[in-house]
PDB file of N, CA and C in Angstrom:
ATOM      1  N   MET A   1     -11.111  37.302 131.753  1.00  0.00           N
ATOM      2  CA  MET A   1     -11.392  36.892 130.386  1.00  0.00           C
ATOM      3  C   MET A   1     -10.139  36.251 129.790  1.00  0.00           C
ATOM      4  N   LYS A   2     -10.293  35.087 129.258  1.00  0.00           N
ATOM      5  CA  LYS A   2      -9.183  34.385 128.622  1.00  0.00           C
ATOM      6  C   LYS A   2      -8.985  34.939 127.217  1.00  0.00           C
ATOM      7  N   ILE A   3      -7.729  35.219 126.874  1.00  0.00           N
ATOM      8  CA  ILE A   3      -7.437  35.724 125.536  1.00  0.00           C
ATOM      9  C   ILE A   3      -6.648  34.679 124.763  1.00  0.00           C
ATOM     10  N   ASN A   4      -6.755  34.736 123.445  1.00  0.00           N
ATOM     11  CA  ASN A   4      -6.010  33.785 122.626  1.00  0.00           C
ATOM     12  C   ASN A   4      -4.640  34.361 122.275  1.00  0.00           C
ATOM     13  N   ALA A   5      -3.817  33.550 121.633  1.00  0.00           N
ATOM     14  CA  ALA A   5      -2.439  33.949 121.333  1.00  0.00           C
ATOM     15  C   ALA A   5      -2.385  35.173 120.425  1.00  0.00           C
ATOM     16  N   ALA A   6      -3.273  35.236 119.445  1.00  0.00           N
ATOM     17  CA  ALA A   6      -3.277  36.386 118.529  1.00  0.00           C
ATOM     18  C   ALA A   6      -3.596  37.675 119.281  1.00  0.00           C
ATOM     19  N   GLN A   7      -4.573  37.610 120.169  1.00  0.00           N
ATOM     20  CA  GLN A   7      -4.916  38.792 120.969  1.00  0.00           C
ATOM     21  C   GLN A   7      -3.733  39.215 121.841  1.00  0.00           C
ATOM     22  N   ARG A   8      -3.056  38.240 122.421  1.00  0.00           N
ATOM     23  CA  ARG A   8      -1.912  38.539 123.284  1.00  0.00           C
ATOM     24  C   ARG A   8      -0.817  39.239 122.477  1.00  0.00           C
ATOM     25  N   VAL A   9      -0.520  38.721 121.300  1.00  0.00           N
ATOM     26  CA  VAL A   9       0.514  39.328 120.452  1.00  0.00           C
ATOM     27  C   VAL A   9       0.154  40.779 120.147  1.00  0.00           C
ATOM     28  N   LEU A  10      -1.094  41.015 119.794  1.00  0.00           N
ATOM     29  CA  LEU A  10      -1.514  42.384 119.479  1.00  0.00           C
ATOM     30  C   LEU A  10      -1.461  43.292 120.701  1.00  0.00           C
ATOM     31  N   ARG A  11      -1.810  42.772 121.848  1.00  0.00           N
ATOM     32  CA  ARG A  11      -1.748  43.583 123.080  1.00  0.00           C
ATOM     33  C   ARG A  11      -0.303  43.935 123.433  1.00  0.00           C
ATOM     34  N   VAL A  12       0.596  42.987 123.245  1.00  0.00           N
ATOM     35  CA  VAL A  12       2.013  43.268 123.495  1.00  0.00           C
ATOM     36  C   VAL A  12       2.508  44.319 122.514  1.00  0.00           C
ATOM     37  N   TRP A  13       2.151  44.184 121.250  1.00  0.00           N
ATOM     38  CA  TRP A  13       2.556  45.154 120.218  1.00  0.00           C
ATOM     39  C   TRP A  13       2.058  46.550 120.587  1.00  0.00           C
ATOM     40  N   GLN A  14       0.813  46.642 121.044  1.00  0.00           N
ATOM     41  CA  GLN A  14       0.256  47.933 121.451  1.00  0.00           C
ATOM     42  C   GLN A  14       0.956  48.485 122.694  1.00  0.00           C
ATOM     43  N   ALA A  15       1.346  47.620 123.598  1.00  0.00           N
ATOM     44  CA  ALA A  15       2.001  48.062 124.833  1.00  0.00           C
ATOM     45  C   ALA A  15       3.342  48.741 124.558  1.00  0.00           C
ATOM     46  N   LEU A  16       3.965  48.420 123.441  1.00  0.00           N
ATOM     47  CA  LEU A  16       5.265  49.002 123.100  1.00  0.00           C
ATOM     48  C   LEU A  16       5.162  50.469 122.676  1.00  0.00           C
ATOM     49  N   LYS A  17       3.946  50.942 122.435  1.00  0.00           N
ATOM     50  CA  LYS A  17       3.732  52.323 121.978  1.00  0.00           C
ATOM     51  C   LYS A  17       4.379  53.315 122.938  1.00  0.00           C
ATOM     52  N   GLY A  18       5.111  54.269 122.357  1.00  0.00           N
ATOM     53  CA  GLY A  18       5.724  55.316 123.162  1.00  0.00           C
ATOM     54  C   GLY A  18       7.060  54.941 123.785  1.00  0.00           C
ATOM     55  N   HIS A  19       7.591  53.787 123.410  1.00  0.00           N
ATOM     56  CA  HIS A  19       8.854  53.319 123.990  1.00  0.00           C
ATOM     57  C   HIS A  19       9.857  52.942 122.897  1.00  0.00           C
ATOM     58  N   THR A  20       9.811  53.664 121.776  1.00  0.00           N
ATOM     59  CA  THR A  20      10.637  53.327 120.620  1.00  0.00           C
ATOM     60  C   THR A  20      12.126  53.328 120.940  1.00  0.00           C
ATOM     61  N   PHE A  21      12.580  54.299 121.703  1.00  0.00           N
ATOM     62  CA  PHE A  21      14.015  54.419 121.961  1.00  0.00           C
ATOM     63  C   PHE A  21      14.454  53.729 123.247  1.00  0.00           C
ATOM     64  N   THR A  22      13.595  53.700 124.237  1.00  0.00           N
ATOM     65  CA  THR A  22      13.975  53.115 125.527  1.00  0.00           C
ATOM     66  C   THR A  22      13.535  51.670 125.679  1.00  0.00           C
ATOM     67  N   GLY A  23      12.476  51.284 124.979  1.00  0.00           N
ATOM     68  CA  GLY A  23      11.968  49.926 125.064  1.00  0.00           C
ATOM     69  C   GLY A  23      11.355  49.605 126.417  1.00  0.00           C
ATOM     70  N   LEU A  24      10.814  48.423 126.502  1.00  0.00           N
ATOM     71  CA  LEU A  24      10.231  47.893 127.737  1.00  0.00           C
ATOM     72  C   LEU A  24      10.831  46.517 127.992  1.00  0.00           C
ATOM     73  N   SER A  25      10.961  46.164 129.253  1.00  0.00           N
ATOM     74  CA  SER A  25      11.421  44.815 129.592  1.00  0.00           C
ATOM     75  C   SER A  25      10.238  43.854 129.523  1.00  0.00           C
ATOM     76  N   ASN A  26      10.564  42.588 129.431  1.00  0.00           N
ATOM     77  CA  ASN A  26       9.535  41.551 129.440  1.00  0.00           C
ATOM     78  C   ASN A  26       8.672  41.692 130.689  1.00  0.00           C
ATOM     79  N   SER A  27       9.309  41.879 131.830  1.00  0.00           N
ATOM     80  CA  SER A  27       8.545  41.955 133.086  1.00  0.00           C
ATOM     81  C   SER A  27       7.673  43.205 133.143  1.00  0.00           C
ATOM     82  N   GLU A  28       8.133  44.313 132.573  1.00  0.00           N
ATOM     83  CA  GLU A  28       7.303  45.522 132.533  1.00  0.00           C
ATOM     84  C   GLU A  28       6.051  45.291 131.693  1.00  0.00           C
ATOM     85  N   ILE A  29       6.227  44.632 130.560  1.00  0.00           N
ATOM     86  CA  ILE A  29       5.075  44.339 129.699  1.00  0.00           C
ATOM     87  C   ILE A  29       4.127  43.378 130.410  1.00  0.00           C
ATOM     88  N   ALA A  30       4.685  42.350 131.035  1.00  0.00           N
ATOM     89  CA  ALA A  30       3.859  41.375 131.763  1.00  0.00           C
ATOM     90  C   ALA A  30       3.040  42.071 132.842  1.00  0.00           C
ATOM     91  N   GLU A  31       3.665  42.980 133.573  1.00  0.00           N
ATOM     92  CA  GLU A  31       2.952  43.702 134.626  1.00  0.00           C
ATOM     93  C   GLU A  31       1.870  44.607 134.033  1.00  0.00           C
ATOM     94  N   MET A  32       2.207  45.304 132.956  1.00  0.00           N
ATOM     95  CA  MET A  32       1.231  46.196 132.312  1.00  0.00           C
ATOM     96  C   MET A  32      -0.017  45.439 131.872  1.00  0.00           C
ATOM     97  N   LEU A  33       0.205  44.245 131.329  1.00  0.00           N
ATOM     98  CA  LEU A  33      -0.892  43.482 130.734  1.00  0.00           C
ATOM     99  C   LEU A  33      -1.491  42.444 131.678  1.00  0.00           C
ATOM    100  N   GLY A  34      -0.898  42.271 132.838  1.00  0.00           N
ATOM    101  CA  GLY A  34      -1.408  41.273 133.774  1.00  0.00           C
ATOM    102  C   GLY A  34      -1.262  39.862 133.243  1.00  0.00           C
ATOM    103  N   ASP A  35      -0.137  39.595 132.607  1.00  0.00           N
ATOM    104  CA  ASP A  35       0.101  38.285 131.999  1.00  0.00           C
ATOM    105  C   ASP A  35       1.438  37.750 132.497  1.00  0.00           C
ATOM    106  N   SER A  36       1.716  36.512 132.208  1.00  0.00           N
ATOM    107  CA  SER A  36       2.962  35.904 132.678  1.00  0.00           C
ATOM    108  C   SER A  36       4.125  36.289 131.760  1.00  0.00           C
ATOM    109  N   PRO A  37       5.330  36.385 132.321  1.00  0.00           N
ATOM    110  CA  PRO A  37       6.500  36.660 131.482  1.00  0.00           C
ATOM    111  C   PRO A  37       6.693  35.614 130.380  1.00  0.00           C
ATOM    112  N   ALA A  38       6.349  34.362 130.653  1.00  0.00           N
ATOM    113  CA  ALA A  38       6.483  33.317 129.629  1.00  0.00           C
ATOM    114  C   ALA A  38       5.566  33.602 128.442  1.00  0.00           C
ATOM    115  N   ASN A  39       4.325  33.982 128.714  1.00  0.00           N
ATOM    116  CA  ASN A  39       3.399  34.320 127.629  1.00  0.00           C
ATOM    117  C   ASN A  39       3.874  35.548 126.862  1.00  0.00           C
ATOM    118  N   ILE A  40       4.411  36.527 127.575  1.00  0.00           N
ATOM    119  CA  ILE A  40       4.912  37.738 126.929  1.00  0.00           C
ATOM    120  C   ILE A  40       6.102  37.394 126.040  1.00  0.00           C
ATOM    121  N   SER A  41       6.974  36.512 126.509  1.00  0.00           N
ATOM    122  CA  SER A  41       8.126  36.085 125.701  1.00  0.00           C
ATOM    123  C   SER A  41       7.681  35.444 124.396  1.00  0.00           C
ATOM    124  N   ARG A  42       6.674  34.589 124.468  1.00  0.00           N
ATOM    125  CA  ARG A  42       6.168  33.950 123.245  1.00  0.00           C
ATOM    126  C   ARG A  42       5.606  34.995 122.287  1.00  0.00           C
ATOM    127  N   ALA A  43       4.859  35.945 122.820  1.00  0.00           N
ATOM    128  CA  ALA A  43       4.285  36.998 121.975  1.00  0.00           C
ATOM    129  C   ALA A  43       5.387  37.854 121.359  1.00  0.00           C
ATOM    130  N   LEU A  44       6.382  38.209 122.155  1.00  0.00           N
ATOM    131  CA  LEU A  44       7.497  39.008 121.633  1.00  0.00           C
ATOM    132  C   LEU A  44       8.257  38.247 120.553  1.00  0.00           C
ATOM    133  N   ASN A  45       8.458  36.953 120.743  1.00  0.00           N
ATOM    134  CA  ASN A  45       9.142  36.147 119.729  1.00  0.00           C
ATOM    135  C   ASN A  45       8.372  36.153 118.417  1.00  0.00           C
ATOM    136  N   THR A  46       7.050  36.108 118.494  1.00  0.00           N
ATOM    137  CA  THR A  46       6.223  36.178 117.283  1.00  0.00           C
ATOM    138  C   THR A  46       6.390  37.532 116.608  1.00  0.00           C
ATOM    139  N   LEU A  47       6.334  38.602 117.390  1.00  0.00           N
ATOM    140  CA  LEU A  47       6.486  39.950 116.828  1.00  0.00           C
ATOM    141  C   LEU A  47       7.866  40.137 116.203  1.00  0.00           C
ATOM    142  N   ILE A  48       8.890  39.617 116.843  1.00  0.00           N
ATOM    143  CA  ILE A  48      10.246  39.723 116.305  1.00  0.00           C
ATOM    144  C   ILE A  48      10.366  38.910 115.021  1.00  0.00           C
ATOM    145  N   ALA A  49       9.790  37.713 114.997  1.00  0.00           N
ATOM    146  CA  ALA A  49       9.834  36.869 113.795  1.00  0.00           C
ATOM    147  C   ALA A  49       9.163  37.550 112.609  1.00  0.00           C
ATOM    148  N   GLU A  50       8.143  38.353 112.873  1.00  0.00           N
ATOM    149  CA  GLU A  50       7.431  39.070 111.811  1.00  0.00           C
ATOM    150  C   GLU A  50       8.004  40.473 111.590  1.00  0.00           C
ATOM    151  N   ASP A  51       9.099  40.782 112.248  1.00  0.00           N
ATOM    152  CA  ASP A  51       9.793  42.071 112.140  1.00  0.00           C
ATOM    153  C   ASP A  51       8.908  43.246 112.548  1.00  0.00           C
ATOM    154  N   LEU A  52       8.039  43.028 113.526  1.00  0.00           N
ATOM    155  CA  LEU A  52       7.191  44.103 114.046  1.00  0.00           C
ATOM    156  C   LEU A  52       7.702  44.629 115.385  1.00  0.00           C
ATOM    157  N   ALA A  53       8.647  43.917 115.980  1.00  0.00           N
ATOM    158  CA  ALA A  53       9.291  44.357 117.217  1.00  0.00           C
ATOM    159  C   ALA A  53      10.760  43.979 117.126  1.00  0.00           C
ATOM    160  N   THR A  54      11.544  44.596 117.987  1.00  0.00           N
ATOM    161  CA  THR A  54      12.976  44.317 118.006  1.00  0.00           C
ATOM    162  C   THR A  54      13.467  44.276 119.444  1.00  0.00           C
ATOM    163  N   LYS A  55      14.533  43.542 119.645  1.00  0.00           N
ATOM    164  CA  LYS A  55      15.180  43.517 120.956  1.00  0.00           C
ATOM    165  C   LYS A  55      16.345  44.497 120.889  1.00  0.00           C
ATOM    166  N   LEU A  56      16.320  45.492 121.747  1.00  0.00           N
ATOM    167  CA  LEU A  56      17.356  46.516 121.778  1.00  0.00           C
ATOM    168  C   LEU A  56      18.628  45.970 122.428  1.00  0.00           C
ATOM    169  N   PRO A  57      19.772  46.627 122.207  1.00  0.00           N
ATOM    170  CA  PRO A  57      21.012  46.176 122.849  1.00  0.00           C
ATOM    171  C   PRO A  57      20.900  46.091 124.375  1.00  0.00           C
ATOM    172  N   SER A  58      20.014  46.875 124.955  1.00  0.00           N
ATOM    173  CA  SER A  58      19.795  46.858 126.410  1.00  0.00           C
ATOM    174  C   SER A  58      19.041  45.615 126.870  1.00  0.00           C
ATOM    175  N   GLY A  59      18.510  44.837 125.910  1.00  0.00           N
ATOM    176  CA  GLY A  59      17.705  43.666 126.251  1.00  0.00           C
ATOM    177  C   GLY A  59      16.225  43.977 126.349  1.00  0.00           C
ATOM    178  N   ARG A  60      15.876  45.249 126.186  1.00  0.00           N
ATOM    179  CA  ARG A  60      14.478  45.671 126.227  1.00  0.00           C
ATOM    180  C   ARG A  60      13.884  45.556 124.824  1.00  0.00           C
ATOM    181  N   PHE A  61      12.569  45.674 124.730  1.00  0.00           N
ATOM    182  CA  PHE A  61      11.866  45.463 123.467  1.00  0.00           C
ATOM    183  C   PHE A  61      11.172  46.739 123.015  1.00  0.00           C
ATOM    184  N   ALA A  62      11.148  46.941 121.700  1.00  0.00           N
ATOM    185  CA  ALA A  62      10.542  48.141 121.126  1.00  0.00           C
ATOM    186  C   ALA A  62       9.952  47.796 119.764  1.00  0.00           C
ATOM    187  N   HIS A  63       9.165  48.729 119.232  1.00  0.00           N
ATOM    188  CA  HIS A  63       8.683  48.564 117.863  1.00  0.00           C
ATOM    189  C   HIS A  63       9.877  48.539 116.914  1.00  0.00           C
ATOM    190  N   SER A  64       9.760  47.777 115.860  1.00  0.00           N
ATOM    191  CA  SER A  64      10.817  47.676 114.857  1.00  0.00           C
ATOM    192  C   SER A  64      10.734  48.827 113.864  1.00  0.00           C
ATOM    193  N   VAL A  65      11.760  48.931 113.036  1.00  0.00           N
ATOM    194  CA  VAL A  65      11.754  49.916 111.954  1.00  0.00           C
ATOM    195  C   VAL A  65      10.562  49.647 111.031  1.00  0.00           C
ATOM    196  N   LYS A  66      10.237  48.388 110.795  1.00  0.00           N
ATOM    197  CA  LYS A  66       9.096  48.053 109.934  1.00  0.00           C
ATOM    198  C   LYS A  66       7.799  48.629 110.496  1.00  0.00           C
ATOM    199  N   THR A  67       7.598  48.527 111.804  1.00  0.00           N
ATOM    200  CA  THR A  67       6.409  49.114 112.427  1.00  0.00           C
ATOM    201  C   THR A  67       6.401  50.620 112.237  1.00  0.00           C
ATOM    202  N   LEU A  68       7.558  51.246 112.413  1.00  0.00           N
ATOM    203  CA  LEU A  68       7.650  52.699 112.234  1.00  0.00           C
ATOM    204  C   LEU A  68       7.404  53.084 110.778  1.00  0.00           C
ATOM    205  N   GLN A  69       7.826  52.241 109.838  1.00  0.00           N
ATOM    206  CA  GLN A  69       7.556  52.489 108.419  1.00  0.00           C
ATOM    207  C   GLN A  69       6.059  52.417 108.132  1.00  0.00           C
ATOM    208  N   ILE A  70       5.362  51.507 108.775  1.00  0.00           N
ATOM    209  CA  ILE A  70       3.905  51.414 108.618  1.00  0.00           C
ATOM    210  C   ILE A  70       3.253  52.693 109.124  1.00  0.00           C
ATOM    211  N   ALA A  71       3.696  53.168 110.281  1.00  0.00           N
ATOM    212  CA  ALA A  71       3.150  54.410 110.840  1.00  0.00           C
ATOM    213  C   ALA A  71       3.447  55.595 109.926  1.00  0.00           C
ATOM    214  N   ALA A  72       4.663  55.652 109.393  1.00  0.00           N
ATOM    215  CA  ALA A  72       5.036  56.751 108.496  1.00  0.00           C
ATOM    216  C   ALA A  72       4.220  56.701 107.208  1.00  0.00           C
ATOM    217  N   ALA A  73       3.973  55.507 106.683  1.00  0.00           N
ATOM    218  CA  ALA A  73       3.167  55.374 105.468  1.00  0.00           C
ATOM    219  C   ALA A  73       1.741  55.845 105.716  1.00  0.00           C
ATOM    220  N   HIS A  74       1.204  55.544 106.881  1.00  0.00           N
ATOM    221  CA  HIS A  74      -0.139  56.017 107.227  1.00  0.00           C
ATOM    222  C   HIS A  74      -0.158  57.540 107.285  1.00  0.00           C
ATOM    223  N   TYR A  75       0.832  58.125 107.929  1.00  0.00           N
ATOM    224  CA  TYR A  75       0.909  59.584 108.026  1.00  0.00           C
ATOM    225  C   TYR A  75       1.000  60.204 106.630  1.00  0.00           C
ATOM    226  N   ASP A  76       1.867  59.657 105.777  1.00  0.00           N
ATOM    227  CA  ASP A  76       2.006  60.177 104.410  1.00  0.00           C
ATOM    228  C   ASP A  76       0.685  60.098 103.654  1.00  0.00           C
ATOM    229  N   HIS A  77      -0.003  58.983 103.794  1.00  0.00           N
ATOM    230  CA  HIS A  77      -1.283  58.800 103.108  1.00  0.00           C
ATOM    231  C   HIS A  77      -2.302  59.836 103.580  1.00  0.00           C
ATOM    232  N   THR A  78      -2.391  60.036 104.882  1.00  0.00           N
ATOM    233  CA  THR A  78      -3.367  61.010 105.388  1.00  0.00           C
ATOM    234  C   THR A  78      -3.018  62.423 104.932  1.00  0.00           C
ATOM    235  N   GLN A  79      -1.737  62.726 104.816  1.00  0.00           N
ATOM    236  CA  GLN A  79      -1.343  64.054 104.333  1.00  0.00           C
ATOM    237  C   GLN A  79      -1.736  64.244 102.870  1.00  0.00           C
ATOM    238  N   ARG A  80      -1.542  63.198 102.056  1.00  0.00           N
ATOM    239  CA  ARG A  80      -1.949  63.280 100.638  1.00  0.00           C
ATOM    240  C   ARG A  80      -3.459  63.452 100.521  1.00  0.00           C
ATOM    241  N   MET A  81      -4.209  62.726 101.336  1.00  0.00           N
ATOM    242  CA  MET A  81      -5.667  62.843 101.286  1.00  0.00           C
ATOM    243  C   MET A  81      -6.108  64.225 101.758  1.00  0.00           C
ATOM    244  N   LYS A  82      -5.435  64.766 102.749  1.00  0.00           N
ATOM    245  CA  LYS A  82      -5.752  66.112 103.229  1.00  0.00           C
ATOM    246  C   LYS A  82      -5.522  67.131 102.115  1.00  0.00           C
ATOM    247  N   GLN A  83      -4.443  66.977 101.374  1.00  0.00           N
ATOM    248  CA  GLN A  83      -4.170  67.883 100.254  1.00  0.00           C
ATOM    249  C   GLN A  83      -5.276  67.792  99.206  1.00  0.00           C
ATOM    250  N   ARG A  84      -5.723  66.579  98.918  1.00  0.00           N
ATOM    251  CA  ARG A  84      -6.800  66.406  97.933  1.00  0.00           C
ATOM    252  C   ARG A  84      -8.095  67.040  98.423  1.00  0.00           C
ATOM    253  N   ILE A  85      -8.388  66.857  99.695  1.00  0.00           N
ATOM    254  CA  ILE A  85      -9.602  67.450 100.264  1.00  0.00           C
ATOM    255  C   ILE A  85      -9.510  68.966 100.214  1.00  0.00           C
ATOM    256  N   ASP A  86      -8.355  69.511 100.598  1.00  0.00           N
ATOM    257  CA  ASP A  86      -8.167  70.963 100.567  1.00  0.00           C
ATOM    258  C   ASP A  86      -8.306  71.509  99.149  1.00  0.00           C
ATOM    259  N   GLN A  87      -7.758  70.785  98.175  1.00  0.00           N
ATOM    260  CA  GLN A  87      -7.858  71.208  96.776  1.00  0.00           C
ATOM    261  C   GLN A  87      -9.321  71.214  96.321  1.00  0.00           C
ATOM    262  N   MET A  88     -10.042  70.153  96.649  1.00  0.00           N
ATOM    263  CA  MET A  88     -11.443  70.080  96.262  1.00  0.00           C
ATOM    264  C   MET A  88     -12.249  71.172  96.959  1.00  0.00           C
ATOM    265  N   GLN A  89     -11.967  71.396  98.239  1.00  0.00           N
ATOM    266  CA  GLN A  89     -12.673  72.442  98.975  1.00  0.00           C
ATOM    267  C   GLN A  89     -12.419  73.803  98.336  1.00  0.00           C
ATOM    268  N   GLY A  90     -11.198  74.032  97.869  1.00  0.00           N
ATOM    269  CA  GLY A  90     -10.881  75.278  97.168  1.00  0.00           C
ATOM    270  C   GLY A  90     -11.688  75.426  95.894  1.00  0.00           C
ATOM    271  N   GLN A  91     -11.831  74.331  95.152  1.00  0.00           N
ATOM    272  CA  GLN A  91     -12.621  74.365  93.917  1.00  0.00           C
ATOM    273  C   GLN A  91     -14.091  74.622  94.231  1.00  0.00           C
ATOM    274  N   ILE A  92     -14.574  73.997  95.274  1.00  0.00           N
ATOM    275  CA  ILE A  92     -15.973  74.199  95.672  1.00  0.00           C
ATOM    276  C   ILE A  92     -16.188  75.646  96.076  1.00  0.00           C
ATOM    277  N   ASN A  93     -15.290  76.163  96.892  1.00  0.00           N
ATOM    278  CA  ASN A  93     -15.416  77.549  97.344  1.00  0.00           C
ATOM    279  C   ASN A  93     -15.313  78.534  96.183  1.00  0.00           C
ATOM    280  N   ALA A  94     -14.453  78.260  95.218  1.00  0.00           N
ATOM    281  CA  ALA A  94     -14.300  79.150  94.059  1.00  0.00           C
ATOM    282  C   ALA A  94     -15.573  79.175  93.228  1.00  0.00           C
ATOM    283  N   GLY A  95     -16.271  78.062  93.185  1.00  0.00           N
ATOM    284  CA  GLY A  95     -17.499  77.979  92.398  1.00  0.00           C
ATOM    285  C   GLY A  95     -18.698  78.612  93.072  1.00  0.00           C
ATOM    286  N   THR A  96     -18.589  78.918  94.345  1.00  0.00           N
ATOM    287  CA  THR A  96     -19.732  79.498  95.060  1.00  0.00           C
ATOM    288  C   THR A  96     -19.636  81.007  95.187  1.00  0.00           C
ATOM    289  N   ARG A  97     -18.594  81.577  94.631  1.00  0.00           N
ATOM    290  CA  ARG A  97     -18.419  83.033  94.735  1.00  0.00           C
ATOM    291  C   ARG A  97     -19.063  83.737  93.584  1.00  0.00           C
TER     292      ARG A  97
END
């Protein structure tokens, strides 16, 4: 199946998951995704330009701080919603006694 550039960028971004500190090399990503290193380089350049990935001092690639901030914001939001749900559940339970 042929994929477009946007799909490739997203697949590369997803492939970086779990490698925040160690990163992945271009060739490792290419092998994981079954794509050419040239295509992976273009996708990584797009992610870096949008501050969603970074090149580590080792030359490997990882999610950027901005990506981690997005993940942290999602976690914070879900925790706030959980608190609201728990509070409402407490009110519901108090009213049924």
